[in-house]
Amino acid sequence: MLEALRRQLSEGLFTRVIGPDRARHARRIHETPGERLFADDRPIRHVHADHAMFIGGLRALLLQSLHPLAMAAVAQHSDYRTDPWGRLQRTSLFVGTTTYGTAEHAHQAIERLARVHEHIHGAAPDGRRYRASDPHLLAWVHVAEVDSFLRCHQRYGEQPLDDYDGYVADMAVVAEAMGIPDPPRTTAELEARLNSYRPELRGTPEAREAARFLLLKAPLPLVARGPYAVLSATAVASLPVWARMPLRLPYLPVAEATGVRFAGHALMRGLRWVTS
């Protein structure tokens, strides 16, 4: 009975994250012969295989929303309110393909994303024009993502790495292929680049609305709402205070260092059991 429950939960989780075609995607990514962008022992493969990516992915979305132009592009061109799981599945497929797929498939995925970005442009509520293909905006999305995946792995990863600089360097390979100039290659460079964007960041109404949707209104079955609440709390707790204030997210240092941290590790153990 317990095993049947585990299989049911696993199927539901993977369907949400990867989609109904997950078996076909897995075969294409893992079984197609050919050269890969990254060898089996590279840090990117270790980090992206860990369940801490669930927390890192949500944290990345919250952090990325702080750039008004990036958020305007999402608000005006994304279907995250009506099809949040579709967006998650496309992102998961891109990360999986570039991390584990053949180099040919990885570059095809990057080229497809670039073609999508070419059609995303417009004006933010403050009147400034934006283009999703703008290297400056692409770099912001990149550094917010890398910082989130790295920090959540450091805190909740099953087996921490000795070489997080290597992870940042691996992610730079994908960034360069996407046309991002001079991406950070060490954790020190990553922190410096992230901080360089801080004067541009704002908590716009669109960003706060997105945060409320992601944390409180995501369409979920009843059985998943408790675990998702823990996921949301751990994602928020992993953000720096300067990122929370514009989004009006709470800062409870004692609770975060005790209850939230404990619940986050318990959630990771539960996810590992479900997907084992």
C-alpha atoms as a PDB file:
ATOM      1  CA  MET A   1       0.000   0.000   0.000  1.00  0.00           C
ATOM      2  CA  LEU A   2       2.809   2.392   0.885  1.00  0.00           C
ATOM      3  CA  GLU A   3       4.575   1.583  -2.372  1.00  0.00           C
ATOM      4  CA  ALA A   4       1.386   2.210  -4.334  1.00  0.00           C
ATOM      5  CA  LEU A   5       1.059   5.609  -2.639  1.00  0.00           C
ATOM      6  CA  ARG A   6       4.669   6.425  -3.446  1.00  0.00           C
ATOM      7  CA  ARG A   7       4.149   5.564  -7.130  1.00  0.00           C
ATOM      8  CA  GLN A   8       0.982   7.646  -7.281  1.00  0.00           C
ATOM      9  CA  LEU A   9       2.685  10.660  -5.728  1.00  0.00           C
ATOM     10  CA  SER A  10       5.720  10.234  -7.971  1.00  0.00           C
ATOM     11  CA  GLU A  11       3.602  10.094 -11.107  1.00  0.00           C
ATOM     12  CA  GLY A  12       1.668  13.199 -10.081  1.00  0.00           C
ATOM     13  CA  LEU A  13       4.834  15.126  -9.286  1.00  0.00           C
ATOM     14  CA  PHE A  14       6.628  14.248 -12.512  1.00  0.00           C
ATOM     15  CA  THR A  15       3.533  14.992 -14.585  1.00  0.00           C
ATOM     16  CA  ARG A  16       3.382  18.483 -13.078  1.00  0.00           C
ATOM     17  CA  VAL A  17       7.086  19.214 -13.443  1.00  0.00           C
ATOM     18  CA  ILE A  18       7.962  17.483 -16.719  1.00  0.00           C
ATOM     19  CA  GLY A  19       4.612  16.852 -18.396  1.00  0.00           C
ATOM     20  CA  PRO A  20       2.784  13.835 -19.796  1.00  0.00           C
ATOM     21  CA  ASP A  21       5.544  13.144 -22.349  1.00  0.00           C
ATOM     22  CA  ARG A  22       8.243  12.735 -19.715  1.00  0.00           C
ATOM     23  CA  ALA A  23       9.201   9.194 -20.787  1.00  0.00           C
ATOM     24  CA  ARG A  24       9.775  10.298 -24.378  1.00  0.00           C
ATOM     25  CA  HIS A  25      11.743  13.360 -23.258  1.00  0.00           C
ATOM     26  CA  ALA A  26      13.849  11.243 -20.885  1.00  0.00           C
ATOM     27  CA  ARG A  27      14.754   8.793 -23.636  1.00  0.00           C
ATOM     28  CA  ARG A  28      15.721  11.583 -25.990  1.00  0.00           C
ATOM     29  CA  ILE A  29      17.814  13.389 -23.388  1.00  0.00           C
ATOM     30  CA  HIS A  30      19.558  10.446 -21.751  1.00  0.00           C
ATOM     31  CA  GLU A  31      19.642   7.723 -24.398  1.00  0.00           C
ATOM     32  CA  THR A  32      20.520   9.592 -27.601  1.00  0.00           C
ATOM     33  CA  PRO A  33      24.173   8.847 -28.370  1.00  0.00           C
ATOM     34  CA  GLY A  34      26.514  11.749 -28.917  1.00  0.00           C
ATOM     35  CA  GLU A  35      28.812  14.244 -27.276  1.00  0.00           C
ATOM     36  CA  ARG A  36      27.435  16.184 -24.294  1.00  0.00           C
ATOM     37  CA  LEU A  37      28.174  19.758 -23.254  1.00  0.00           C
ATOM     38  CA  PHE A  38      29.178  18.486 -19.810  1.00  0.00           C
ATOM     39  CA  ALA A  39      31.006  15.364 -18.694  1.00  0.00           C
ATOM     40  CA  ASP A  40      29.401  13.075 -16.123  1.00  0.00           C
ATOM     41  CA  ASP A  41      31.528  14.437 -13.285  1.00  0.00           C
ATOM     42  CA  ARG A  42      30.788  18.135 -13.875  1.00  0.00           C
ATOM     43  CA  PRO A  43      29.154  20.068 -11.010  1.00  0.00           C
ATOM     44  CA  ILE A  44      26.179  21.173 -13.140  1.00  0.00           C
ATOM     45  CA  ARG A  45      25.036  17.559 -13.435  1.00  0.00           C
ATOM     46  CA  HIS A  46      25.248  17.084  -9.678  1.00  0.00           C
ATOM     47  CA  VAL A  47      23.347  20.275  -8.800  1.00  0.00           C
ATOM     48  CA  HIS A  48      20.595  19.883 -11.378  1.00  0.00           C
ATOM     49  CA  ALA A  49      19.902  16.295 -10.327  1.00  0.00           C
ATOM     50  CA  ASP A  50      19.203  17.299  -6.727  1.00  0.00           C
ATOM     51  CA  HIS A  51      15.724  17.908  -5.317  1.00  0.00           C
ATOM     52  CA  ALA A  52      16.862  21.288  -3.974  1.00  0.00           C
ATOM     53  CA  MET A  53      16.161  22.490  -7.522  1.00  0.00           C
ATOM     54  CA  PHE A  54      12.475  22.621  -6.567  1.00  0.00           C
ATOM     55  CA  ILE A  55      13.252  25.328  -4.027  1.00  0.00           C
ATOM     56  CA  GLY A  56      15.820  27.003  -6.265  1.00  0.00           C
ATOM     57  CA  GLY A  57      13.391  27.238  -9.157  1.00  0.00           C
ATOM     58  CA  LEU A  58      10.763  29.060  -7.100  1.00  0.00           C
ATOM     59  CA  ARG A  59      13.374  31.330  -5.554  1.00  0.00           C
ATOM     60  CA  ALA A  60      14.698  32.186  -9.025  1.00  0.00           C
ATOM     61  CA  LEU A  61      11.248  33.256 -10.227  1.00  0.00           C
ATOM     62  CA  LEU A  62      10.782  35.512  -7.207  1.00  0.00           C
ATOM     63  CA  LEU A  63      14.205  37.081  -7.608  1.00  0.00           C
ATOM     64  CA  GLN A  64      13.885  37.543 -11.373  1.00  0.00           C
ATOM     65  CA  SER A  65      10.578  39.377 -10.920  1.00  0.00           C
ATOM     66  CA  LEU A  66      12.398  42.285  -9.262  1.00  0.00           C
ATOM     67  CA  HIS A  67      13.692  43.618 -12.567  1.00  0.00           C
ATOM     68  CA  PRO A  68      10.848  45.804 -13.934  1.00  0.00           C
ATOM     69  CA  LEU A  69      11.645  45.117 -17.578  1.00  0.00           C
ATOM     70  CA  ALA A  70      12.009  41.362 -17.108  1.00  0.00           C
ATOM     71  CA  MET A  71       8.765  41.339 -15.097  1.00  0.00           C
ATOM     72  CA  ALA A  72       6.962  43.376 -17.754  1.00  0.00           C
ATOM     73  CA  ALA A  73       7.949  40.796 -20.361  1.00  0.00           C
ATOM     74  CA  VAL A  74       6.581  38.003 -18.170  1.00  0.00           C
ATOM     75  CA  ALA A  75       3.374  39.862 -17.287  1.00  0.00           C
ATOM     76  CA  GLN A  76       2.612  40.829 -20.883  1.00  0.00           C
ATOM     77  CA  HIS A  77       3.732  37.725 -22.760  1.00  0.00           C
ATOM     78  CA  SER A  78       3.690  34.809 -20.330  1.00  0.00           C
ATOM     79  CA  ASP A  79       0.744  32.559 -19.524  1.00  0.00           C
ATOM     80  CA  TYR A  80       1.984  31.859 -16.004  1.00  0.00           C
ATOM     81  CA  ARG A  81      -1.464  32.599 -14.488  1.00  0.00           C
ATOM     82  CA  THR A  82      -3.439  30.339 -16.825  1.00  0.00           C
ATOM     83  CA  ASP A  83      -0.799  27.678 -17.513  1.00  0.00           C
ATOM     84  CA  PRO A  84       1.857  27.775 -14.760  1.00  0.00           C
ATOM     85  CA  TRP A  85       2.663  24.079 -15.147  1.00  0.00           C
ATOM     86  CA  GLY A  86       3.254  24.440 -18.879  1.00  0.00           C
ATOM     87  CA  ARG A  87       5.829  27.113 -18.223  1.00  0.00           C
ATOM     88  CA  LEU A  88       7.481  24.965 -15.550  1.00  0.00           C
ATOM     89  CA  GLN A  89       7.574  21.986 -17.903  1.00  0.00           C
ATOM     90  CA  ARG A  90       9.198  23.997 -20.697  1.00  0.00           C
ATOM     91  CA  THR A  91      11.810  25.308 -18.284  1.00  0.00           C
ATOM     92  CA  SER A  92      12.491  21.823 -16.911  1.00  0.00           C
ATOM     93  CA  LEU A  93      12.900  20.456 -20.424  1.00  0.00           C
ATOM     94  CA  PHE A  94      15.357  23.230 -21.327  1.00  0.00           C
ATOM     95  CA  VAL A  95      17.445  22.669 -18.190  1.00  0.00           C
ATOM     96  CA  GLY A  96      17.409  18.916 -18.660  1.00  0.00           C
ATOM     97  CA  THR A  97      18.359  19.108 -22.322  1.00  0.00           C
ATOM     98  CA  THR A  98      21.211  21.574 -21.873  1.00  0.00           C
ATOM     99  CA  THR A  99      22.563  19.730 -18.829  1.00  0.00           C
ATOM    100  CA  TYR A 100      22.262  16.084 -19.872  1.00  0.00           C
ATOM    101  CA  GLY A 101      21.324  15.991 -23.556  1.00  0.00           C
ATOM    102  CA  THR A 102      23.608  15.807 -26.546  1.00  0.00           C
ATOM    103  CA  ALA A 103      25.442  18.971 -27.538  1.00  0.00           C
ATOM    104  CA  GLU A 104      23.382  19.035 -30.730  1.00  0.00           C
ATOM    105  CA  HIS A 105      20.092  18.870 -28.854  1.00  0.00           C
ATOM    106  CA  ALA A 106      21.322  21.425 -26.315  1.00  0.00           C
ATOM    107  CA  HIS A 107      22.153  23.953 -29.016  1.00  0.00           C
ATOM    108  CA  GLN A 108      18.824  23.281 -30.729  1.00  0.00           C
ATOM    109  CA  ALA A 109      17.034  24.042 -27.449  1.00  0.00           C
ATOM    110  CA  ILE A 110      19.012  27.268 -27.055  1.00  0.00           C
ATOM    111  CA  GLU A 111      18.215  28.311 -30.623  1.00  0.00           C
ATOM    112  CA  ARG A 112      14.502  27.629 -30.093  1.00  0.00           C
ATOM    113  CA  LEU A 113      14.510  29.775 -26.974  1.00  0.00           C
ATOM    114  CA  ALA A 114      16.292  32.570 -28.831  1.00  0.00           C
ATOM    115  CA  ARG A 115      13.609  32.505 -31.549  1.00  0.00           C
ATOM    116  CA  VAL A 116      10.917  32.816 -28.889  1.00  0.00           C
ATOM    117  CA  HIS A 117      12.727  35.742 -27.276  1.00  0.00           C
ATOM    118  CA  GLU A 118      12.877  37.604 -30.603  1.00  0.00           C
ATOM    119  CA  HIS A 119       9.082  37.923 -30.555  1.00  0.00           C
ATOM    120  CA  ILE A 120       8.879  39.187 -26.974  1.00  0.00           C
ATOM    121  CA  HIS A 121       9.118  42.971 -26.793  1.00  0.00           C
ATOM    122  CA  GLY A 122       7.032  45.892 -25.677  1.00  0.00           C
ATOM    123  CA  ALA A 123       6.855  48.680 -23.113  1.00  0.00           C
ATOM    124  CA  ALA A 124       6.892  48.430 -19.338  1.00  0.00           C
ATOM    125  CA  PRO A 125       4.279  50.356 -17.305  1.00  0.00           C
ATOM    126  CA  ASP A 126       6.848  53.124 -16.773  1.00  0.00           C
ATOM    127  CA  GLY A 127       7.175  53.569 -20.550  1.00  0.00           C
ATOM    128  CA  ARG A 128      10.579  51.993 -21.010  1.00  0.00           C
ATOM    129  CA  ARG A 129      10.930  49.659 -23.964  1.00  0.00           C
ATOM    130  CA  TYR A 130      12.199  46.119 -23.483  1.00  0.00           C
ATOM    131  CA  ARG A 131      13.286  43.165 -25.596  1.00  0.00           C
ATOM    132  CA  ALA A 132      13.549  39.681 -24.154  1.00  0.00           C
ATOM    133  CA  SER A 133      16.586  39.147 -26.376  1.00  0.00           C
ATOM    134  CA  ASP A 134      18.424  42.075 -24.749  1.00  0.00           C
ATOM    135  CA  PRO A 135      21.725  40.599 -23.457  1.00  0.00           C
ATOM    136  CA  HIS A 136      21.483  42.747 -20.321  1.00  0.00           C
ATOM    137  CA  LEU A 137      18.083  41.274 -19.400  1.00  0.00           C
ATOM    138  CA  LEU A 138      19.177  37.771 -20.348  1.00  0.00           C
ATOM    139  CA  ALA A 139      22.173  38.178 -18.050  1.00  0.00           C
ATOM    140  CA  TRP A 140      19.908  39.237 -15.166  1.00  0.00           C
ATOM    141  CA  VAL A 141      17.706  36.171 -15.608  1.00  0.00           C
ATOM    142  CA  HIS A 142      20.835  34.031 -15.795  1.00  0.00           C
ATOM    143  CA  VAL A 143      22.551  35.329 -12.658  1.00  0.00           C
ATOM    144  CA  ALA A 144      19.316  35.221 -10.639  1.00  0.00           C
ATOM    145  CA  GLU A 145      18.825  31.607 -11.698  1.00  0.00           C
ATOM    146  CA  VAL A 146      22.406  30.522 -11.026  1.00  0.00           C
ATOM    147  CA  ASP A 147      22.452  32.246  -7.639  1.00  0.00           C
ATOM    148  CA  SER A 148      19.168  30.581  -6.675  1.00  0.00           C
ATOM    149  CA  PHE A 149      20.144  27.074  -7.761  1.00  0.00           C
ATOM    150  CA  LEU A 150      23.533  27.392  -6.085  1.00  0.00           C
ATOM    151  CA  ARG A 151      22.338  28.781  -2.757  1.00  0.00           C
ATOM    152  CA  CYS A 152      19.469  26.341  -2.404  1.00  0.00           C
ATOM    153  CA  HIS A 153      21.783  23.452  -3.182  1.00  0.00           C
ATOM    154  CA  GLN A 154      24.247  24.705  -0.576  1.00  0.00           C
ATOM    155  CA  ARG A 155      21.470  24.779   2.003  1.00  0.00           C
ATOM    156  CA  TYR A 156      19.324  21.779   1.058  1.00  0.00           C
ATOM    157  CA  GLY A 157      21.371  19.625  -1.315  1.00  0.00           C
ATOM    158  CA  GLU A 158      21.763  16.004  -0.328  1.00  0.00           C
ATOM    159  CA  GLN A 159      25.510  16.020  -1.028  1.00  0.00           C
ATOM    160  CA  PRO A 160      27.090  19.506  -1.017  1.00  0.00           C
ATOM    161  CA  LEU A 161      29.782  20.250  -3.569  1.00  0.00           C
ATOM    162  CA  ASP A 162      33.377  21.243  -2.957  1.00  0.00           C
ATOM    163  CA  ASP A 163      33.452  23.124  -6.268  1.00  0.00           C
ATOM    164  CA  TYR A 164      30.624  25.637  -6.542  1.00  0.00           C
ATOM    165  CA  ASP A 165      32.896  27.784  -8.697  1.00  0.00           C
ATOM    166  CA  GLY A 166      32.801  24.889 -11.141  1.00  0.00           C
ATOM    167  CA  TYR A 167      29.005  25.026 -11.161  1.00  0.00           C
ATOM    168  CA  VAL A 168      29.012  28.734 -11.993  1.00  0.00           C
ATOM    169  CA  ALA A 169      31.565  28.071 -14.746  1.00  0.00           C
ATOM    170  CA  ASP A 170      29.405  25.282 -16.186  1.00  0.00           C
ATOM    171  CA  MET A 171      26.373  27.539 -16.276  1.00  0.00           C
ATOM    172  CA  ALA A 172      28.486  30.145 -18.061  1.00  0.00           C
ATOM    173  CA  VAL A 173      28.868  27.703 -20.971  1.00  0.00           C
ATOM    174  CA  VAL A 174      25.095  27.740 -21.479  1.00  0.00           C
ATOM    175  CA  ALA A 175      24.958  31.507 -20.967  1.00  0.00           C
ATOM    176  CA  GLU A 176      27.560  32.142 -23.662  1.00  0.00           C
ATOM    177  CA  ALA A 177      25.681  29.910 -26.081  1.00  0.00           C
ATOM    178  CA  MET A 178      22.607  32.061 -25.395  1.00  0.00           C
ATOM    179  CA  GLY A 179      24.522  35.209 -26.333  1.00  0.00           C
ATOM    180  CA  ILE A 180      25.122  36.526 -22.813  1.00  0.00           C
ATOM    181  CA  PRO A 181      28.426  38.417 -22.830  1.00  0.00           C
ATOM    182  CA  ASP A 182      31.072  37.609 -20.230  1.00  0.00           C
ATOM    183  CA  PRO A 183      28.903  35.611 -17.787  1.00  0.00           C
ATOM    184  CA  PRO A 184      30.289  35.090 -14.274  1.00  0.00           C
ATOM    185  CA  ARG A 185      32.498  32.029 -13.839  1.00  0.00           C
ATOM    186  CA  THR A 186      33.118  32.019 -10.077  1.00  0.00           C
ATOM    187  CA  THR A 187      30.909  32.507  -7.048  1.00  0.00           C
ATOM    188  CA  ALA A 188      32.662  35.805  -6.333  1.00  0.00           C
ATOM    189  CA  GLU A 189      31.964  37.042  -9.860  1.00  0.00           C
ATOM    190  CA  LEU A 190      28.369  35.845  -9.547  1.00  0.00           C
ATOM    191  CA  GLU A 191      27.794  37.800  -6.352  1.00  0.00           C
ATOM    192  CA  ALA A 192      29.384  40.912  -7.837  1.00  0.00           C
ATOM    193  CA  ARG A 193      27.262  40.675 -10.988  1.00  0.00           C
ATOM    194  CA  LEU A 194      24.079  40.128  -9.017  1.00  0.00           C
ATOM    195  CA  ASN A 195      24.816  43.142  -6.828  1.00  0.00           C
ATOM    196  CA  SER A 196      25.514  45.278  -9.898  1.00  0.00           C
ATOM    197  CA  TYR A 197      21.841  44.934 -10.850  1.00  0.00           C
ATOM    198  CA  ARG A 198      20.473  46.082  -7.508  1.00  0.00           C
ATOM    199  CA  PRO A 199      20.039  49.765  -8.497  1.00  0.00           C
ATOM    200  CA  GLU A 200      17.738  48.581 -11.315  1.00  0.00           C
ATOM    201  CA  LEU A 201      15.490  46.388  -9.168  1.00  0.00           C
ATOM    202  CA  ARG A 202      12.025  47.405  -7.975  1.00  0.00           C
ATOM    203  CA  GLY A 203       9.023  45.806  -6.363  1.00  0.00           C
ATOM    204  CA  THR A 204       6.462  46.682  -9.031  1.00  0.00           C
ATOM    205  CA  PRO A 205       2.760  45.832  -8.687  1.00  0.00           C
ATOM    206  CA  GLU A 206       3.281  43.172 -11.356  1.00  0.00           C
ATOM    207  CA  ALA A 207       6.131  41.611  -9.365  1.00  0.00           C
ATOM    208  CA  ARG A 208       4.111  41.553  -6.147  1.00  0.00           C
ATOM    209  CA  GLU A 209       1.147  40.040  -7.963  1.00  0.00           C
ATOM    210  CA  ALA A 210       3.397  37.344  -9.429  1.00  0.00           C
ATOM    211  CA  ALA A 211       4.842  36.615  -5.977  1.00  0.00           C
ATOM    212  CA  ARG A 212       1.368  36.247  -4.472  1.00  0.00           C
ATOM    213  CA  PHE A 213       0.348  33.901  -7.267  1.00  0.00           C
ATOM    214  CA  LEU A 214       3.486  31.779  -7.009  1.00  0.00           C
ATOM    215  CA  LEU A 215       3.425  31.520  -3.231  1.00  0.00           C
ATOM    216  CA  LEU A 216      -0.273  31.454  -2.409  1.00  0.00           C
ATOM    217  CA  LYS A 217      -2.431  30.827  -5.467  1.00  0.00           C
ATOM    218  CA  ALA A 218      -0.698  28.145  -7.532  1.00  0.00           C
ATOM    219  CA  PRO A 219      -3.331  25.645  -8.725  1.00  0.00           C
ATOM    220  CA  LEU A 220      -2.654  22.479  -6.759  1.00  0.00           C
ATOM    221  CA  PRO A 221      -4.558  19.417  -5.581  1.00  0.00           C
ATOM    222  CA  LEU A 222      -5.413  19.402  -1.881  1.00  0.00           C
ATOM    223  CA  VAL A 223      -2.775  16.768  -1.051  1.00  0.00           C
ATOM    224  CA  ALA A 224       0.006  18.989  -2.431  1.00  0.00           C
ATOM    225  CA  ARG A 225      -0.899  22.225  -0.692  1.00  0.00           C
ATOM    226  CA  GLY A 226       0.886  21.447   2.577  1.00  0.00           C
ATOM    227  CA  PRO A 227       4.194  20.438   0.949  1.00  0.00           C
ATOM    228  CA  TYR A 228       3.954  23.437  -1.400  1.00  0.00           C
ATOM    229  CA  ALA A 229       3.492  25.770   1.573  1.00  0.00           C
ATOM    230  CA  VAL A 230       6.759  24.406   2.972  1.00  0.00           C
ATOM    231  CA  LEU A 231       8.409  24.829  -0.423  1.00  0.00           C
ATOM    232  CA  SER A 232       7.221  28.432  -0.566  1.00  0.00           C
ATOM    233  CA  ALA A 233       8.463  29.188   2.946  1.00  0.00           C
ATOM    234  CA  THR A 234      11.902  27.732   2.234  1.00  0.00           C
ATOM    235  CA  ALA A 235      12.171  29.659  -1.053  1.00  0.00           C
ATOM    236  CA  VAL A 236      11.311  32.943   0.668  1.00  0.00           C
ATOM    237  CA  ALA A 237      13.658  32.207   3.573  1.00  0.00           C
ATOM    238  CA  SER A 238      16.539  31.682   1.135  1.00  0.00           C
ATOM    239  CA  LEU A 239      16.136  35.164  -0.358  1.00  0.00           C
ATOM    240  CA  PRO A 240      18.240  38.038   0.977  1.00  0.00           C
ATOM    241  CA  VAL A 241      16.352  40.689   2.917  1.00  0.00           C
ATOM    242  CA  TRP A 242      16.942  43.274   0.182  1.00  0.00           C
ATOM    243  CA  ALA A 243      15.020  41.073  -2.250  1.00  0.00           C
ATOM    244  CA  ARG A 244      12.111  40.404   0.099  1.00  0.00           C
ATOM    245  CA  MET A 245      11.279  43.961   1.080  1.00  0.00           C
ATOM    246  CA  PRO A 246      10.233  45.153  -2.411  1.00  0.00           C
ATOM    247  CA  LEU A 247       8.001  42.076  -2.776  1.00  0.00           C
ATOM    248  CA  ARG A 248       6.567  42.594   0.730  1.00  0.00           C
ATOM    249  CA  LEU A 249       7.653  39.156   1.832  1.00  0.00           C
ATOM    250  CA  PRO A 250       8.178  38.445   5.555  1.00  0.00           C
ATOM    251  CA  TYR A 251      11.495  38.254   7.348  1.00  0.00           C
ATOM    252  CA  LEU A 252      11.366  36.030  10.446  1.00  0.00           C
ATOM    253  CA  PRO A 253      14.988  35.140  11.229  1.00  0.00           C
ATOM    254  CA  VAL A 254      14.364  32.953  14.274  1.00  0.00           C
ATOM    255  CA  ALA A 255      11.573  30.930  12.659  1.00  0.00           C
ATOM    256  CA  GLU A 256      13.543  30.630   9.423  1.00  0.00           C
ATOM    257  CA  ALA A 257      16.657  29.370  11.180  1.00  0.00           C
ATOM    258  CA  THR A 258      14.699  26.740  13.072  1.00  0.00           C
ATOM    259  CA  GLY A 259      11.239  25.663  11.908  1.00  0.00           C
ATOM    260  CA  VAL A 260      11.495  26.606   8.242  1.00  0.00           C
ATOM    261  CA  ARG A 261      14.957  25.097   7.882  1.00  0.00           C
ATOM    262  CA  PHE A 262      13.835  21.857   9.558  1.00  0.00           C
ATOM    263  CA  ALA A 263      10.663  21.681   7.454  1.00  0.00           C
ATOM    264  CA  GLY A 264      12.690  22.311   4.290  1.00  0.00           C
ATOM    265  CA  HIS A 265      15.008  19.392   4.987  1.00  0.00           C
ATOM    266  CA  ALA A 266      12.003  17.203   5.840  1.00  0.00           C
ATOM    267  CA  LEU A 267      10.402  18.161   2.530  1.00  0.00           C
ATOM    268  CA  MET A 268      13.574  17.236   0.642  1.00  0.00           C
ATOM    269  CA  ARG A 269      13.659  13.837   2.357  1.00  0.00           C
ATOM    270  CA  GLY A 270      10.025  13.309   1.445  1.00  0.00           C
ATOM    271  CA  LEU A 271      10.610  14.219  -2.199  1.00  0.00           C
ATOM    272  CA  ARG A 272      13.587  11.893  -2.392  1.00  0.00           C
ATOM    273  CA  TRP A 273      11.450   9.064  -1.052  1.00  0.00           C
ATOM    274  CA  VAL A 274       8.627   9.824  -3.497  1.00  0.00           C
ATOM    275  CA  THR A 275      10.957   9.842  -6.502  1.00  0.00           C
ATOM    276  CA  SER A 276      13.222   6.976  -5.417  1.00  0.00           C
END
